[in-house]
PDB file of N, CA and C in Angstrom:
ATOM      1  N   MET A   1     -24.656 -10.948  -8.731  1.00  0.00           N
ATOM      2  CA  MET A   1     -24.217 -10.254  -7.537  1.00  0.00           C
ATOM      3  C   MET A   1     -25.424  -9.837  -6.727  1.00  0.00           C
ATOM      4  N   THR A   2     -25.447 -10.272  -5.512  1.00  0.00           N
ATOM      5  CA  THR A   2     -26.625  -9.998  -4.710  1.00  0.00           C
ATOM      6  C   THR A   2     -26.397  -8.939  -3.645  1.00  0.00           C
ATOM      7  N   ASP A   3     -25.222  -8.889  -3.063  1.00  0.00           N
ATOM      8  CA  ASP A   3     -25.041  -7.902  -2.006  1.00  0.00           C
ATOM      9  C   ASP A   3     -24.367  -6.634  -2.528  1.00  0.00           C
ATOM     10  N   ASN A   4     -24.581  -5.549  -1.801  1.00  0.00           N
ATOM     11  CA  ASN A   4     -24.069  -4.248  -2.225  1.00  0.00           C
ATOM     12  C   ASN A   4     -22.550  -4.188  -2.256  1.00  0.00           C
ATOM     13  N   ARG A   5     -21.904  -4.916  -1.343  1.00  0.00           N
ATOM     14  CA  ARG A   5     -20.431  -4.936  -1.303  1.00  0.00           C
ATOM     15  C   ARG A   5     -19.876  -5.523  -2.597  1.00  0.00           C
ATOM     16  N   SER A   6     -20.453  -6.620  -3.051  1.00  0.00           N
ATOM     17  CA  SER A   6     -20.016  -7.252  -4.303  1.00  0.00           C
ATOM     18  C   SER A   6     -20.258  -6.335  -5.491  1.00  0.00           C
ATOM     19  N   LYS A   7     -21.424  -5.689  -5.517  1.00  0.00           N
ATOM     20  CA  LYS A   7     -21.738  -4.754  -6.604  1.00  0.00           C
ATOM     21  C   LYS A   7     -20.755  -3.598  -6.599  1.00  0.00           C
ATOM     22  N   GLY A   8     -20.480  -3.069  -5.415  1.00  0.00           N
ATOM     23  CA  GLY A   8     -19.538  -1.954  -5.300  1.00  0.00           C
ATOM     24  C   GLY A   8     -18.162  -2.345  -5.775  1.00  0.00           C
ATOM     25  N   SER A   9     -17.697  -3.508  -5.365  1.00  0.00           N
ATOM     26  CA  SER A   9     -16.381  -3.995  -5.770  1.00  0.00           C
ATOM     27  C   SER A   9     -16.299  -4.182  -7.279  1.00  0.00           C
ATOM     28  N   PHE A  10     -17.339  -4.745  -7.854  1.00  0.00           N
ATOM     29  CA  PHE A  10     -17.395  -4.965  -9.303  1.00  0.00           C
ATOM     30  C   PHE A  10     -17.281  -3.639 -10.055  1.00  0.00           C
ATOM     31  N   HIS A  11     -18.045  -2.644  -9.622  1.00  0.00           N
ATOM     32  CA  HIS A  11     -18.046  -1.359 -10.318  1.00  0.00           C
ATOM     33  C   HIS A  11     -16.788  -0.540 -10.034  1.00  0.00           C
ATOM     34  N   GLU A  12     -16.172  -0.744  -8.875  1.00  0.00           N
ATOM     35  CA  GLU A  12     -14.872  -0.122  -8.624  1.00  0.00           C
ATOM     36  C   GLU A  12     -13.820  -0.700  -9.561  1.00  0.00           C
ATOM     37  N   THR A  13     -13.911  -1.993  -9.853  1.00  0.00           N
ATOM     38  CA  THR A  13     -12.989  -2.613 -10.811  1.00  0.00           C
ATOM     39  C   THR A  13     -13.169  -2.010 -12.197  1.00  0.00           C
ATOM     40  N   ILE A  14     -14.411  -1.771 -12.586  1.00  0.00           N
ATOM     41  CA  ILE A  14     -14.679  -1.120 -13.873  1.00  0.00           C
ATOM     42  C   ILE A  14     -14.064   0.283 -13.880  1.00  0.00           C
ATOM     43  N   ALA A  15     -14.231   1.017 -12.780  1.00  0.00           N
ATOM     44  CA  ALA A  15     -13.667   2.365 -12.680  1.00  0.00           C
ATOM     45  C   ALA A  15     -12.135   2.333 -12.738  1.00  0.00           C
ATOM     46  N   ILE A  16     -11.534   1.351 -12.105  1.00  0.00           N
ATOM     47  CA  ILE A  16     -10.078   1.220 -12.131  1.00  0.00           C
ATOM     48  C   ILE A  16      -9.587   0.968 -13.551  1.00  0.00           C
ATOM     49  N   GLU A  17     -10.247   0.078 -14.267  1.00  0.00           N
ATOM     50  CA  GLU A  17      -9.860  -0.196 -15.658  1.00  0.00           C
ATOM     51  C   GLU A  17     -10.023   1.061 -16.512  1.00  0.00           C
ATOM     52  N   TYR A  18     -11.091   1.805 -16.283  1.00  0.00           N
ATOM     53  CA  TYR A  18     -11.330   3.064 -16.984  1.00  0.00           C
ATOM     54  C   TYR A  18     -10.162   4.029 -16.736  1.00  0.00           C
ATOM     55  N   LEU A  19      -9.777   4.181 -15.458  1.00  0.00           N
ATOM     56  CA  LEU A  19      -8.687   5.086 -15.115  1.00  0.00           C
ATOM     57  C   LEU A  19      -7.353   4.624 -15.706  1.00  0.00           C
ATOM     58  N   LYS A  20      -7.081   3.340 -15.623  1.00  0.00           N
ATOM     59  CA  LYS A  20      -5.840   2.810 -16.213  1.00  0.00           C
ATOM     60  C   LYS A  20      -5.773   3.115 -17.707  1.00  0.00           C
ATOM     61  N   ASN A  21      -6.903   2.954 -18.393  1.00  0.00           N
ATOM     62  CA  ASN A  21      -6.947   3.242 -19.831  1.00  0.00           C
ATOM     63  C   ASN A  21      -6.714   4.713 -20.130  1.00  0.00           C
ATOM     64  N   LYS A  22      -6.964   5.586 -19.143  1.00  0.00           N
ATOM     65  CA  LYS A  22      -6.713   7.018 -19.305  1.00  0.00           C
ATOM     66  C   LYS A  22      -5.307   7.412 -18.845  1.00  0.00           C
ATOM     67  N   GLY A  23      -4.510   6.426 -18.433  1.00  0.00           N
ATOM     68  CA  GLY A  23      -3.129   6.697 -18.056  1.00  0.00           C
ATOM     69  C   GLY A  23      -2.867   6.885 -16.574  1.00  0.00           C
ATOM     70  N   TYR A  24      -3.844   6.586 -15.732  1.00  0.00           N
ATOM     71  CA  TYR A  24      -3.657   6.705 -14.291  1.00  0.00           C
ATOM     72  C   TYR A  24      -2.906   5.479 -13.773  1.00  0.00           C
ATOM     73  N   ARG A  25      -2.107   5.704 -12.719  1.00  0.00           N
ATOM     74  CA  ARG A  25      -1.428   4.594 -12.042  1.00  0.00           C
ATOM     75  C   ARG A  25      -2.133   4.404 -10.693  1.00  0.00           C
ATOM     76  N   ILE A  26      -2.701   3.235 -10.493  1.00  0.00           N
ATOM     77  CA  ILE A  26      -3.468   2.941  -9.275  1.00  0.00           C
ATOM     78  C   ILE A  26      -2.499   2.627  -8.136  1.00  0.00           C
ATOM     79  N   ILE A  27      -2.700   3.305  -7.019  1.00  0.00           N
ATOM     80  CA  ILE A  27      -1.864   3.102  -5.834  1.00  0.00           C
ATOM     81  C   ILE A  27      -2.573   2.235  -4.801  1.00  0.00           C
ATOM     82  N   ALA A  28      -3.857   2.507  -4.592  1.00  0.00           N
ATOM     83  CA  ALA A  28      -4.606   1.776  -3.559  1.00  0.00           C
ATOM     84  C   ALA A  28      -6.082   1.719  -3.935  1.00  0.00           C
ATOM     85  N   ARG A  29      -6.725   0.745  -3.347  1.00  0.00           N
ATOM     86  CA  ARG A  29      -8.158   0.545  -3.553  1.00  0.00           C
ATOM     87  C   ARG A  29      -8.781   0.244  -2.198  1.00  0.00           C
ATOM     88  N   ASN A  30      -9.946   0.810  -1.953  1.00  0.00           N
ATOM     89  CA  ASN A  30     -10.649   0.613  -0.687  1.00  0.00           C
ATOM     90  C   ASN A  30      -9.746   0.881   0.514  1.00  0.00           C
ATOM     91  N   GLU A  31      -9.101   2.022   0.480  1.00  0.00           N
ATOM     92  CA  GLU A  31      -8.203   2.433   1.565  1.00  0.00           C
ATOM     93  C   GLU A  31      -9.057   2.867   2.754  1.00  0.00           C
ATOM     94  N   LEU A  32      -8.968   2.122   3.825  1.00  0.00           N
ATOM     95  CA  LEU A  32      -9.806   2.337   4.997  1.00  0.00           C
ATOM     96  C   LEU A  32      -8.957   2.828   6.164  1.00  0.00           C
ATOM     97  N   ASN A  33      -9.410   3.891   6.812  1.00  0.00           N
ATOM     98  CA  ASN A  33      -8.766   4.337   8.040  1.00  0.00           C
ATOM     99  C   ASN A  33      -9.863   4.818   8.996  1.00  0.00           C
ATOM    100  N   ARG A  34      -9.458   5.363  10.105  1.00  0.00           N
ATOM    101  CA  ARG A  34     -10.453   5.704  11.140  1.00  0.00           C
ATOM    102  C   ARG A  34     -11.419   6.807  10.720  1.00  0.00           C
ATOM    103  N   PHE A  35     -11.125   7.522   9.633  1.00  0.00           N
ATOM    104  CA  PHE A  35     -11.997   8.603   9.182  1.00  0.00           C
ATOM    105  C   PHE A  35     -12.942   8.197   8.053  1.00  0.00           C
ATOM    106  N   GLY A  36     -12.683   7.067   7.439  1.00  0.00           N
ATOM    107  CA  GLY A  36     -13.543   6.616   6.349  1.00  0.00           C
ATOM    108  C   GLY A  36     -12.783   5.796   5.329  1.00  0.00           C
ATOM    109  N   GLU A  37     -13.412   5.628   4.183  1.00  0.00           N
ATOM    110  CA  GLU A  37     -12.838   4.807   3.122  1.00  0.00           C
ATOM    111  C   GLU A  37     -12.698   5.635   1.845  1.00  0.00           C
ATOM    112  N   ILE A  38     -11.596   5.403   1.154  1.00  0.00           N
ATOM    113  CA  ILE A  38     -11.373   6.021  -0.146  1.00  0.00           C
ATOM    114  C   ILE A  38     -11.395   4.879  -1.158  1.00  0.00           C
ATOM    115  N   ASP A  39     -12.278   4.997  -2.152  1.00  0.00           N
ATOM    116  CA  ASP A  39     -12.450   3.903  -3.109  1.00  0.00           C
ATOM    117  C   ASP A  39     -11.193   3.646  -3.924  1.00  0.00           C
ATOM    118  N   ILE A  40     -10.638   4.703  -4.522  1.00  0.00           N
ATOM    119  CA  ILE A  40      -9.453   4.547  -5.379  1.00  0.00           C
ATOM    120  C   ILE A  40      -8.494   5.702  -5.120  1.00  0.00           C
ATOM    121  N   ILE A  41      -7.220   5.367  -4.982  1.00  0.00           N
ATOM    122  CA  ILE A  41      -6.164   6.379  -4.904  1.00  0.00           C
ATOM    123  C   ILE A  41      -5.236   6.110  -6.081  1.00  0.00           C
ATOM    124  N   SER A  42      -4.949   7.162  -6.841  1.00  0.00           N
ATOM    125  CA  SER A  42      -4.130   6.977  -8.037  1.00  0.00           C
ATOM    126  C   SER A  42      -3.265   8.204  -8.299  1.00  0.00           C
ATOM    127  N   ILE A  43      -2.348   8.031  -9.243  1.00  0.00           N
ATOM    128  CA  ILE A  43      -1.549   9.140  -9.756  1.00  0.00           C
ATOM    129  C   ILE A  43      -2.070   9.425 -11.157  1.00  0.00           C
ATOM    130  N   SER A  44      -2.469  10.665 -11.399  1.00  0.00           N
ATOM    131  CA  SER A  44      -3.012  11.051 -12.704  1.00  0.00           C
ATOM    132  C   SER A  44      -1.878  11.170 -13.722  1.00  0.00           C
ATOM    133  N   PRO A  45      -2.224  11.210 -15.002  1.00  0.00           N
ATOM    134  CA  PRO A  45      -1.185  11.364 -16.030  1.00  0.00           C
ATOM    135  C   PRO A  45      -0.330  12.625 -15.834  1.00  0.00           C
ATOM    136  N   ASP A  46      -0.897  13.664 -15.210  1.00  0.00           N
ATOM    137  CA  ASP A  46      -0.117  14.884 -14.971  1.00  0.00           C
ATOM    138  C   ASP A  46       0.545  14.908 -13.589  1.00  0.00           C
ATOM    139  N   GLY A  47       0.554  13.761 -12.893  1.00  0.00           N
ATOM    140  CA  GLY A  47       1.314  13.622 -11.654  1.00  0.00           C
ATOM    141  C   GLY A  47       0.595  13.969 -10.366  1.00  0.00           C
ATOM    142  N   LYS A  48      -0.686  14.274 -10.418  1.00  0.00           N
ATOM    143  CA  LYS A  48      -1.432  14.595  -9.200  1.00  0.00           C
ATOM    144  C   LYS A  48      -1.846  13.324  -8.478  1.00  0.00           C
ATOM    145  N   LEU A  49      -1.932  13.424  -7.162  1.00  0.00           N
ATOM    146  CA  LEU A  49      -2.466  12.333  -6.349  1.00  0.00           C
ATOM    147  C   LEU A  49      -3.983  12.513  -6.329  1.00  0.00           C
ATOM    148  N   VAL A  50      -4.706  11.503  -6.803  1.00  0.00           N
ATOM    149  CA  VAL A  50      -6.152  11.631  -6.982  1.00  0.00           C
ATOM    150  C   VAL A  50      -6.887  10.645  -6.075  1.00  0.00           C
ATOM    151  N   PHE A  51      -7.821  11.198  -5.290  1.00  0.00           N
ATOM    152  CA  PHE A  51      -8.709  10.408  -4.446  1.00  0.00           C
ATOM    153  C   PHE A  51     -10.052  10.349  -5.167  1.00  0.00           C
ATOM    154  N   THR A  52     -10.483   9.139  -5.522  1.00  0.00           N
ATOM    155  CA  THR A  52     -11.685   8.988  -6.347  1.00  0.00           C
ATOM    156  C   THR A  52     -12.763   8.214  -5.613  1.00  0.00           C
ATOM    157  N   GLU A  53     -13.953   8.790  -5.635  1.00  0.00           N
ATOM    158  CA  GLU A  53     -15.143   8.131  -5.096  1.00  0.00           C
ATOM    159  C   GLU A  53     -15.926   7.549  -6.264  1.00  0.00           C
ATOM    160  N   VAL A  54     -16.339   6.300  -6.138  1.00  0.00           N
ATOM    161  CA  VAL A  54     -17.089   5.621  -7.193  1.00  0.00           C
ATOM    162  C   VAL A  54     -18.511   5.352  -6.701  1.00  0.00           C
ATOM    163  N   LYS A  55     -19.483   5.734  -7.517  1.00  0.00           N
ATOM    164  CA  LYS A  55     -20.889   5.478  -7.197  1.00  0.00           C
ATOM    165  C   LYS A  55     -21.556   4.820  -8.394  1.00  0.00           C
ATOM    166  N   TYR A  56     -22.430   3.856  -8.124  1.00  0.00           N
ATOM    167  CA  TYR A  56     -23.128   3.111  -9.164  1.00  0.00           C
ATOM    168  C   TYR A  56     -24.635   3.149  -8.924  1.00  0.00           C
ATOM    169  N   ARG A  57     -25.357   3.242 -10.009  1.00  0.00           N
ATOM    170  CA  ARG A  57     -26.811   3.071  -9.999  1.00  0.00           C
ATOM    171  C   ARG A  57     -27.188   2.245 -11.224  1.00  0.00           C
ATOM    172  N   LYS A  58     -28.117   1.366 -11.037  1.00  0.00           N
ATOM    173  CA  LYS A  58     -28.612   0.540 -12.140  1.00  0.00           C
ATOM    174  C   LYS A  58     -29.326   1.413 -13.174  1.00  0.00           C
ATOM    175  N   SER A  59     -30.081   2.404 -12.670  1.00  0.00           N
ATOM    176  CA  SER A  59     -30.792   3.347 -13.534  1.00  0.00           C
ATOM    177  C   SER A  59     -30.911   4.665 -12.783  1.00  0.00           C
ATOM    178  N   ALA A  60     -31.435   5.681 -13.446  1.00  0.00           N
ATOM    179  CA  ALA A  60     -31.594   6.997 -12.822  1.00  0.00           C
ATOM    180  C   ALA A  60     -32.884   7.102 -12.017  1.00  0.00           C
ATOM    181  N   ARG A  61     -33.614   6.022 -11.941  1.00  0.00           N
ATOM    182  CA  ARG A  61     -34.904   6.032 -11.250  1.00  0.00           C
ATOM    183  C   ARG A  61     -34.789   6.528  -9.803  1.00  0.00           C
ATOM    184  N   ARG A  62     -33.725   6.168  -9.143  1.00  0.00           N
ATOM    185  CA  ARG A  62     -33.525   6.593  -7.747  1.00  0.00           C
ATOM    186  C   ARG A  62     -32.515   7.733  -7.638  1.00  0.00           C
ATOM    187  N   GLY A  63     -32.287   8.419  -8.725  1.00  0.00           N
ATOM    188  CA  GLY A  63     -31.335   9.524  -8.725  1.00  0.00           C
ATOM    189  C   GLY A  63     -30.034   9.129  -9.398  1.00  0.00           C
ATOM    190  N   TYR A  64     -29.274  10.123  -9.739  1.00  0.00           N
ATOM    191  CA  TYR A  64     -27.994   9.888 -10.405  1.00  0.00           C
ATOM    192  C   TYR A  64     -26.927   9.561  -9.374  1.00  0.00           C
ATOM    193  N   PRO A  65     -25.984   8.701  -9.736  1.00  0.00           N
ATOM    194  CA  PRO A  65     -25.004   8.234  -8.752  1.00  0.00           C
ATOM    195  C   PRO A  65     -24.194   9.360  -8.112  1.00  0.00           C
ATOM    196  N   LEU A  66     -23.815  10.355  -8.900  1.00  0.00           N
ATOM    197  CA  LEU A  66     -22.955  11.399  -8.348  1.00  0.00           C
ATOM    198  C   LEU A  66     -23.682  12.305  -7.361  1.00  0.00           C
ATOM    199  N   GLU A  67     -25.005  12.278  -7.371  1.00  0.00           N
ATOM    200  CA  GLU A  67     -25.775  13.048  -6.384  1.00  0.00           C
ATOM    201  C   GLU A  67     -25.544  12.523  -4.968  1.00  0.00           C
ATOM    202  N   ALA A  68     -25.094  11.288  -4.856  1.00  0.00           N
ATOM    203  CA  ALA A  68     -24.862  10.675  -3.548  1.00  0.00           C
ATOM    204  C   ALA A  68     -23.571  11.160  -2.893  1.00  0.00           C
ATOM    205  N   VAL A  69     -22.744  11.875  -3.632  1.00  0.00           N
ATOM    206  CA  VAL A  69     -21.497  12.403  -3.061  1.00  0.00           C
ATOM    207  C   VAL A  69     -21.796  13.810  -2.525  1.00  0.00           C
ATOM    208  N   ASP A  70     -22.520  13.821  -1.416  1.00  0.00           N
ATOM    209  CA  ASP A  70     -22.965  15.073  -0.818  1.00  0.00           C
ATOM    210  C   ASP A  70     -21.887  15.653   0.106  1.00  0.00           C
ATOM    211  N   ALA A  71     -22.211  16.745   0.778  1.00  0.00           N
ATOM    212  CA  ALA A  71     -21.240  17.433   1.635  1.00  0.00           C
ATOM    213  C   ALA A  71     -20.720  16.529   2.755  1.00  0.00           C
ATOM    214  N   VAL A  72     -21.572  15.692   3.309  1.00  0.00           N
ATOM    215  CA  VAL A  72     -21.148  14.771   4.379  1.00  0.00           C
ATOM    216  C   VAL A  72     -20.133  13.776   3.828  1.00  0.00           C
ATOM    217  N   LYS A  73     -20.412  13.205   2.665  1.00  0.00           N
ATOM    218  CA  LYS A  73     -19.501  12.244   2.040  1.00  0.00           C
ATOM    219  C   LYS A  73     -18.185  12.925   1.667  1.00  0.00           C
ATOM    220  N   GLN A  74     -18.269  14.134   1.140  1.00  0.00           N
ATOM    221  CA  GLN A  74     -17.061  14.878   0.776  1.00  0.00           C
ATOM    222  C   GLN A  74     -16.184  15.130   2.003  1.00  0.00           C
ATOM    223  N   ARG A  75     -16.802  15.454   3.122  1.00  0.00           N
ATOM    224  CA  ARG A  75     -16.053  15.687   4.362  1.00  0.00           C
ATOM    225  C   ARG A  75     -15.354  14.409   4.816  1.00  0.00           C
ATOM    226  N   LYS A  76     -16.058  13.280   4.732  1.00  0.00           N
ATOM    227  CA  LYS A  76     -15.451  11.994   5.116  1.00  0.00           C
ATOM    228  C   LYS A  76     -14.247  11.665   4.229  1.00  0.00           C
ATOM    229  N   ILE A  77     -14.423  11.836   2.931  1.00  0.00           N
ATOM    230  CA  ILE A  77     -13.329  11.553   1.993  1.00  0.00           C
ATOM    231  C   ILE A  77     -12.156  12.491   2.259  1.00  0.00           C
ATOM    232  N   SER A  78     -12.444  13.764   2.495  1.00  0.00           N
ATOM    233  CA  SER A  78     -11.395  14.751   2.775  1.00  0.00           C
ATOM    234  C   SER A  78     -10.596  14.377   4.016  1.00  0.00           C
ATOM    235  N   ARG A  79     -11.299  14.025   5.069  1.00  0.00           N
ATOM    236  CA  ARG A  79     -10.610  13.658   6.317  1.00  0.00           C
ATOM    237  C   ARG A  79      -9.822  12.364   6.160  1.00  0.00           C
ATOM    238  N   ALA A  80     -10.394  11.400   5.468  1.00  0.00           N
ATOM    239  CA  ALA A  80      -9.683  10.135   5.229  1.00  0.00           C
ATOM    240  C   ALA A  80      -8.437  10.382   4.382  1.00  0.00           C
ATOM    241  N   SER A  81      -8.544  11.291   3.410  1.00  0.00           N
ATOM    242  CA  SER A  81      -7.387  11.586   2.559  1.00  0.00           C
ATOM    243  C   SER A  81      -6.293  12.308   3.346  1.00  0.00           C
ATOM    244  N   ALA A  82      -6.674  13.212   4.249  1.00  0.00           N
ATOM    245  CA  ALA A  82      -5.688  13.914   5.077  1.00  0.00           C
ATOM    246  C   ALA A  82      -4.933  12.914   5.959  1.00  0.00           C
ATOM    247  N   TYR A  83      -5.658  11.971   6.521  1.00  0.00           N
ATOM    248  CA  TYR A  83      -5.034  10.926   7.330  1.00  0.00           C
ATOM    249  C   TYR A  83      -4.083  10.086   6.472  1.00  0.00           C
ATOM    250  N   TYR A  84      -4.535   9.737   5.270  1.00  0.00           N
ATOM    251  CA  TYR A  84      -3.703   8.951   4.349  1.00  0.00           C
ATOM    252  C   TYR A  84      -2.413   9.703   4.034  1.00  0.00           C
ATOM    253  N   LEU A  85      -2.529  10.980   3.715  1.00  0.00           N
ATOM    254  CA  LEU A  85      -1.344  11.783   3.377  1.00  0.00           C
ATOM    255  C   LEU A  85      -0.390  11.899   4.555  1.00  0.00           C
ATOM    256  N   ASN A  86      -0.944  11.992   5.752  1.00  0.00           N
ATOM    257  CA  ASN A  86      -0.115  12.086   6.949  1.00  0.00           C
ATOM    258  C   ASN A  86       0.677  10.805   7.188  1.00  0.00           C
ATOM    259  N   SER A  87       0.114   9.678   6.806  1.00  0.00           N
ATOM    260  CA  SER A  87       0.803   8.402   7.027  1.00  0.00           C
ATOM    261  C   SER A  87       1.546   7.892   5.788  1.00  0.00           C
ATOM    262  N   HIS A  88       1.458   8.623   4.680  1.00  0.00           N
ATOM    263  CA  HIS A  88       2.179   8.272   3.450  1.00  0.00           C
ATOM    264  C   HIS A  88       2.921   9.511   2.948  1.00  0.00           C
ATOM    265  N   ARG A  89       3.952   9.861   3.667  1.00  0.00           N
ATOM    266  CA  ARG A  89       4.694  11.095   3.398  1.00  0.00           C
ATOM    267  C   ARG A  89       5.338  11.133   2.013  1.00  0.00           C
ATOM    268  N   GLU A  90       5.487   9.980   1.382  1.00  0.00           N
ATOM    269  CA  GLU A  90       6.098   9.950   0.046  1.00  0.00           C
ATOM    270  C   GLU A  90       5.271  10.718  -0.982  1.00  0.00           C
ATOM    271  N   TYR A  91       4.017  11.031  -0.656  1.00  0.00           N
ATOM    272  CA  TYR A  91       3.156  11.775  -1.583  1.00  0.00           C
ATOM    273  C   TYR A  91       2.965  13.234  -1.163  1.00  0.00           C
ATOM    274  N   SER A  92       3.674  13.666  -0.131  1.00  0.00           N
ATOM    275  CA  SER A  92       3.446  15.003   0.419  1.00  0.00           C
ATOM    276  C   SER A  92       3.806  16.139  -0.552  1.00  0.00           C
ATOM    277  N   ASN A  93       4.641  15.861  -1.533  1.00  0.00           N
ATOM    278  CA  ASN A  93       5.033  16.914  -2.472  1.00  0.00           C
ATOM    279  C   ASN A  93       4.117  16.987  -3.700  1.00  0.00           C
ATOM    280  N   ARG A  94       3.120  16.171  -3.762  1.00  0.00           N
ATOM    281  CA  ARG A  94       2.213  16.160  -4.926  1.00  0.00           C
ATOM    282  C   ARG A  94       0.983  17.022  -4.694  1.00  0.00           C
ATOM    283  N   GLN A  95       0.496  17.610  -5.766  1.00  0.00           N
ATOM    284  CA  GLN A  95      -0.805  18.269  -5.705  1.00  0.00           C
ATOM    285  C   GLN A  95      -1.849  17.165  -5.596  1.00  0.00           C
ATOM    286  N   ILE A  96      -2.954  17.465  -4.921  1.00  0.00           N
ATOM    287  CA  ILE A  96      -4.009  16.460  -4.803  1.00  0.00           C
ATOM    288  C   ILE A  96      -5.285  16.949  -5.481  1.00  0.00           C
ATOM    289  N   ARG A  97      -6.114  15.981  -5.785  1.00  0.00           N
ATOM    290  CA  ARG A  97      -7.381  16.274  -6.452  1.00  0.00           C
ATOM    291  C   ARG A  97      -8.402  15.245  -5.996  1.00  0.00           C
ATOM    292  N   TYR A  98      -9.673  15.675  -5.961  1.00  0.00           N
ATOM    293  CA  TYR A  98     -10.779  14.784  -5.602  1.00  0.00           C
ATOM    294  C   TYR A  98     -11.667  14.612  -6.830  1.00  0.00           C
ATOM    295  N   ASP A  99     -11.770  13.374  -7.296  1.00  0.00           N
ATOM    296  CA  ASP A  99     -12.593  13.044  -8.456  1.00  0.00           C
ATOM    297  C   ASP A  99     -13.757  12.161  -8.034  1.00  0.00           C
ATOM    298  N   CYS A 100     -14.769  12.128  -8.884  1.00  0.00           N
ATOM    299  CA  CYS A 100     -15.883  11.198  -8.701  1.00  0.00           C
ATOM    300  C   CYS A 100     -16.134  10.487 -10.018  1.00  0.00           C
ATOM    301  N   ILE A 101     -16.431   9.207  -9.915  1.00  0.00           N
ATOM    302  CA  ILE A 101     -16.838   8.436 -11.083  1.00  0.00           C
ATOM    303  C   ILE A 101     -18.228   7.888 -10.785  1.00  0.00           C
ATOM    304  N   GLY A 102     -19.162   8.262 -11.659  1.00  0.00           N
ATOM    305  CA  GLY A 102     -20.520   7.762 -11.553  1.00  0.00           C
ATOM    306  C   GLY A 102     -20.776   6.769 -12.667  1.00  0.00           C
ATOM    307  N   ILE A 103     -21.316   5.628 -12.298  1.00  0.00           N
ATOM    308  CA  ILE A 103     -21.643   4.595 -13.287  1.00  0.00           C
ATOM    309  C   ILE A 103     -23.142   4.367 -13.202  1.00  0.00           C
ATOM    310  N   ILE A 104     -23.802   4.547 -14.329  1.00  0.00           N
ATOM    311  CA  ILE A 104     -25.242   4.312 -14.400  1.00  0.00           C
ATOM    312  C   ILE A 104     -25.463   3.377 -15.579  1.00  0.00           C
ATOM    313  N   GLY A 105     -25.899   2.163 -15.269  1.00  0.00           N
ATOM    314  CA  GLY A 105     -25.978   1.145 -16.313  1.00  0.00           C
ATOM    315  C   GLY A 105     -24.574   0.864 -16.827  1.00  0.00           C
ATOM    316  N   ASP A 106     -24.349   1.081 -18.126  1.00  0.00           N
ATOM    317  CA  ASP A 106     -23.029   0.877 -18.727  1.00  0.00           C
ATOM    318  C   ASP A 106     -22.292   2.187 -18.995  1.00  0.00           C
ATOM    319  N   GLU A 107     -22.886   3.304 -18.602  1.00  0.00           N
ATOM    320  CA  GLU A 107     -22.295   4.617 -18.870  1.00  0.00           C
ATOM    321  C   GLU A 107     -21.423   5.063 -17.701  1.00  0.00           C
ATOM    322  N   ILE A 108     -20.221   5.545 -18.019  1.00  0.00           N
ATOM    323  CA  ILE A 108     -19.291   6.028 -17.000  1.00  0.00           C
ATOM    324  C   ILE A 108     -19.131   7.535 -17.161  1.00  0.00           C
ATOM    325  N   LYS A 109     -19.293   8.251 -16.054  1.00  0.00           N
ATOM    326  CA  LYS A 109     -19.070   9.691 -16.064  1.00  0.00           C
ATOM    327  C   LYS A 109     -17.983   9.993 -15.038  1.00  0.00           C
ATOM    328  N   HIS A 110     -16.899  10.592 -15.508  1.00  0.00           N
ATOM    329  CA  HIS A 110     -15.760  10.915 -14.659  1.00  0.00           C
ATOM    330  C   HIS A 110     -15.700  12.428 -14.486  1.00  0.00           C
ATOM    331  N   ILE A 111     -15.822  12.880 -13.254  1.00  0.00           N
ATOM    332  CA  ILE A 111     -15.711  14.305 -12.971  1.00  0.00           C
ATOM    333  C   ILE A 111     -14.398  14.544 -12.237  1.00  0.00           C
ATOM    334  N   GLU A 112     -13.484  15.204 -12.933  1.00  0.00           N
ATOM    335  CA  GLU A 112     -12.215  15.570 -12.323  1.00  0.00           C
ATOM    336  C   GLU A 112     -12.427  16.815 -11.468  1.00  0.00           C
ATOM    337  N   ASN A 113     -11.695  16.868 -10.353  1.00  0.00           N
ATOM    338  CA  ASN A 113     -11.782  18.015  -9.453  1.00  0.00           C
ATOM    339  C   ASN A 113     -13.240  18.270  -9.049  1.00  0.00           C
ATOM    340  N   ALA A 114     -13.910  17.208  -8.650  1.00  0.00           N
ATOM    341  CA  ALA A 114     -15.343  17.264  -8.336  1.00  0.00           C
ATOM    342  C   ALA A 114     -15.645  18.117  -7.105  1.00  0.00           C
ATOM    343  N   PHE A 115     -14.701  18.155  -6.173  1.00  0.00           N
ATOM    344  CA  PHE A 115     -14.868  19.011  -4.994  1.00  0.00           C
ATOM    345  C   PHE A 115     -13.497  19.311  -4.412  1.00  0.00           C
ATOM    346  N   ASN A 116     -13.457  20.300  -3.533  1.00  0.00           N
ATOM    347  CA  ASN A 116     -12.235  20.667  -2.842  1.00  0.00           C
ATOM    348  C   ASN A 116     -12.239  20.063  -1.447  1.00  0.00           C
ATOM    349  N   TYR A 117     -11.101  20.118  -0.796  1.00  0.00           N
ATOM    350  CA  TYR A 117     -10.997  19.607   0.567  1.00  0.00           C
ATOM    351  C   TYR A 117     -12.067  20.258   1.448  1.00  0.00           C
ATOM    352  N   VAL A 118     -12.757  19.426   2.217  1.00  0.00           N
ATOM    353  CA  VAL A 118     -13.774  19.910   3.152  1.00  0.00           C
ATOM    354  C   VAL A 118     -13.337  19.482   4.544  1.00  0.00           C
ATOM    355  N   GLY A 119     -12.937  20.455   5.365  1.00  0.00           N
ATOM    356  CA  GLY A 119     -12.395  20.130   6.681  1.00  0.00           C
ATOM    357  C   GLY A 119     -13.392  20.031   7.772  1.00  0.00           C
TER     358      GLY A 119
END
């Protein structure tokens, strides 16, 4: 894999398989709207609608992957999720959560409730 898009897609697939193995039901992947992109949208085992950001690093040499989910990124994800919820009313009665999955080498770190809505 040479380009970043291919690498991102590959590691998002790994994250999806990880989530499925934990009992999540995947609803959407790479959901794009005018406010940004959400890597994975799923229903958690306890019924919450989960918006997940996936970050990958080959090694920690350039920092840990989850460090890249800064306040600006959180705001983009929050706004994109609000737009998604507005156009997918079937999920309006569910609690929502924002998770992050960091992949460094072969190690996966899943942080549930990584941040709250940032408006």
